[in-house]
Protein backbone atom coordinates (compact mmCIF):
# COMPACT_ATOMS: atom_id res chain seq x y z
CA UNK A 1 20.34 96.82 30.42
CA UNK A 2 17.35 97.26 32.71
CA UNK A 3 17.42 95.72 36.16
CA UNK A 4 14.42 95.30 38.43
CA UNK A 5 14.85 94.71 42.17
CA UNK A 6 11.79 93.83 44.22
CA UNK A 7 11.57 93.93 48.02
CA UNK A 8 9.09 94.04 50.87
CA UNK A 9 7.69 90.53 50.84
CA UNK A 10 7.33 88.34 53.88
CA UNK A 11 5.08 86.17 55.99
CA UNK A 12 1.85 87.74 57.19
CA UNK A 13 -1.41 86.51 58.68
CA UNK A 14 -4.63 86.70 56.73
CA UNK A 15 -6.08 90.17 56.95
CA UNK A 16 -2.66 91.76 57.25
CA UNK A 17 -0.85 94.19 54.98
CA UNK A 18 2.42 94.43 53.12
CA UNK A 19 3.99 97.08 50.90
CA UNK A 20 6.16 95.92 48.05
CA UNK A 21 8.74 98.12 46.35
CA UNK A 22 10.55 97.75 43.06
CA UNK A 23 13.48 99.85 41.94
CA UNK A 24 14.23 99.91 38.22
CA UNK A 25 17.49 100.97 36.66
CA UNK A 26 17.60 102.75 33.35
CA UNK A 27 16.30 105.97 31.90
CA UNK A 28 13.13 104.53 30.41
CA UNK A 29 11.33 104.06 33.73
CA UNK A 30 9.57 107.41 33.69
CA UNK A 31 8.14 106.86 30.21
CA UNK A 32 7.08 103.24 30.66
CA UNK A 33 3.95 101.65 32.00
CA UNK A 34 4.71 99.29 34.87
CA UNK A 35 2.98 96.33 36.42
CA UNK A 36 3.06 93.98 39.37
CA UNK A 37 2.79 90.33 38.50
CA UNK A 38 2.61 87.24 40.67
CA UNK A 39 3.17 83.53 40.29
CA UNK A 40 1.75 81.03 42.72
CA UNK A 41 3.07 77.45 42.91
CA UNK A 42 1.81 75.41 39.99
CA UNK A 43 0.15 78.40 38.33
CA UNK A 44 0.99 80.74 35.49
CA UNK A 45 2.32 84.19 36.17
CA UNK A 46 -0.47 86.78 36.16
CA UNK A 47 -0.66 90.54 36.04
CA UNK A 48 -2.32 91.87 39.19
CA UNK A 49 -2.01 95.64 38.75
CA UNK A 50 -0.64 98.13 36.25
CA UNK A 51 0.04 101.84 36.15
CA UNK A 52 0.69 104.20 33.27
CA UNK A 53 3.94 106.14 32.92
CA UNK A 54 2.53 109.24 34.58
CA UNK A 55 0.44 107.37 37.11
CA UNK A 56 -2.89 108.59 35.81
CA UNK A 57 -4.20 105.26 34.59
CA UNK A 58 -4.40 102.29 36.93
CA UNK A 59 -5.84 98.84 36.40
CA UNK A 60 -6.24 95.95 38.83
CA UNK A 61 -7.23 92.34 38.47
CA UNK A 62 -10.66 91.51 39.84
CA UNK A 63 -9.08 89.23 42.43
CA UNK A 64 -7.25 92.14 44.10
CA UNK A 65 -9.52 95.08 43.33
CA UNK A 66 -10.24 97.13 46.41
CA UNK A 67 -7.39 95.50 48.34
CA UNK A 68 -4.20 96.22 46.35
CA UNK A 69 -3.04 99.66 45.23
CA UNK A 70 -0.24 100.30 42.75
CA UNK A 71 1.65 103.59 42.73
CA UNK A 72 4.93 104.95 41.44
CA UNK A 73 7.52 107.62 42.14
CA UNK A 74 9.32 108.52 38.92
CA UNK A 75 11.87 110.61 40.82
CA UNK A 76 13.02 107.41 42.52
CA UNK A 77 12.49 104.97 39.63
CA UNK A 78 10.28 103.02 42.02
CA UNK A 79 6.90 101.33 41.78
CA UNK A 80 4.97 100.20 44.84
CA UNK A 81 2.22 97.73 45.61
CA UNK A 82 0.26 98.30 48.80
CA UNK A 83 -1.50 95.09 49.72
CA UNK A 84 -4.24 95.14 52.34
CA UNK A 85 -6.69 92.51 53.59
CA UNK A 86 -4.36 89.78 52.41
CA UNK A 87 -5.74 86.29 51.83
CA UNK A 88 -4.01 82.91 51.73
CA UNK A 89 -4.68 82.79 47.98
CA UNK A 90 -2.47 85.86 47.57
CA UNK A 91 0.54 83.68 48.43
CA UNK A 92 2.95 83.90 45.50
CA UNK A 93 6.23 85.32 44.27
CA UNK A 94 5.59 88.91 43.25
CA UNK A 95 7.47 90.59 40.41
CA UNK A 96 7.44 94.03 38.92
CA UNK A 97 8.06 94.59 35.24
CA UNK A 98 7.28 96.78 32.32
CA UNK A 99 4.24 96.42 30.10
CA UNK A 100 4.98 94.34 28.11
CA UNK A 101 7.48 92.63 30.39
CA UNK A 102 11.21 92.39 29.70
CA UNK A 103 13.87 90.61 31.76
CA UNK A 104 12.48 89.38 35.08
CA UNK A 105 14.00 90.17 38.46
CA UNK A 106 14.25 87.74 41.35
CA UNK A 107 10.85 88.63 42.75
CA UNK A 108 9.80 88.80 46.39
CA UNK A 109 7.96 86.04 48.22
CA UNK A 110 4.64 86.83 49.87
CA UNK A 111 3.18 84.17 52.13
CA UNK A 112 -0.19 84.63 53.79
CA UNK A 113 -1.09 82.24 56.57
CA UNK A 114 -4.68 81.41 57.48
């Protein structure tokens, strides 16, 4: 059974940066596309960035393009999300998951103050 453990969230002022990490258990990590998703209060969960199994193909939502960067280290079964120039509207619980998603982890809270 795959487990996903996110970390790195916190409270930051607008314009600040955070780096999220997600460690995945299981042997399929290195052959699976991964994504970072987020869910703000009262809103549906959305995909903000994705990365192919080898890291060569990356996509980002328009709302985070140029500010967020997804990367992965298959030797560590870890996917990262570097978030720069954070805005209050980035406040959400952030989750990593496969594409398509499977069982969700607990997520990590990101709160951006204005």
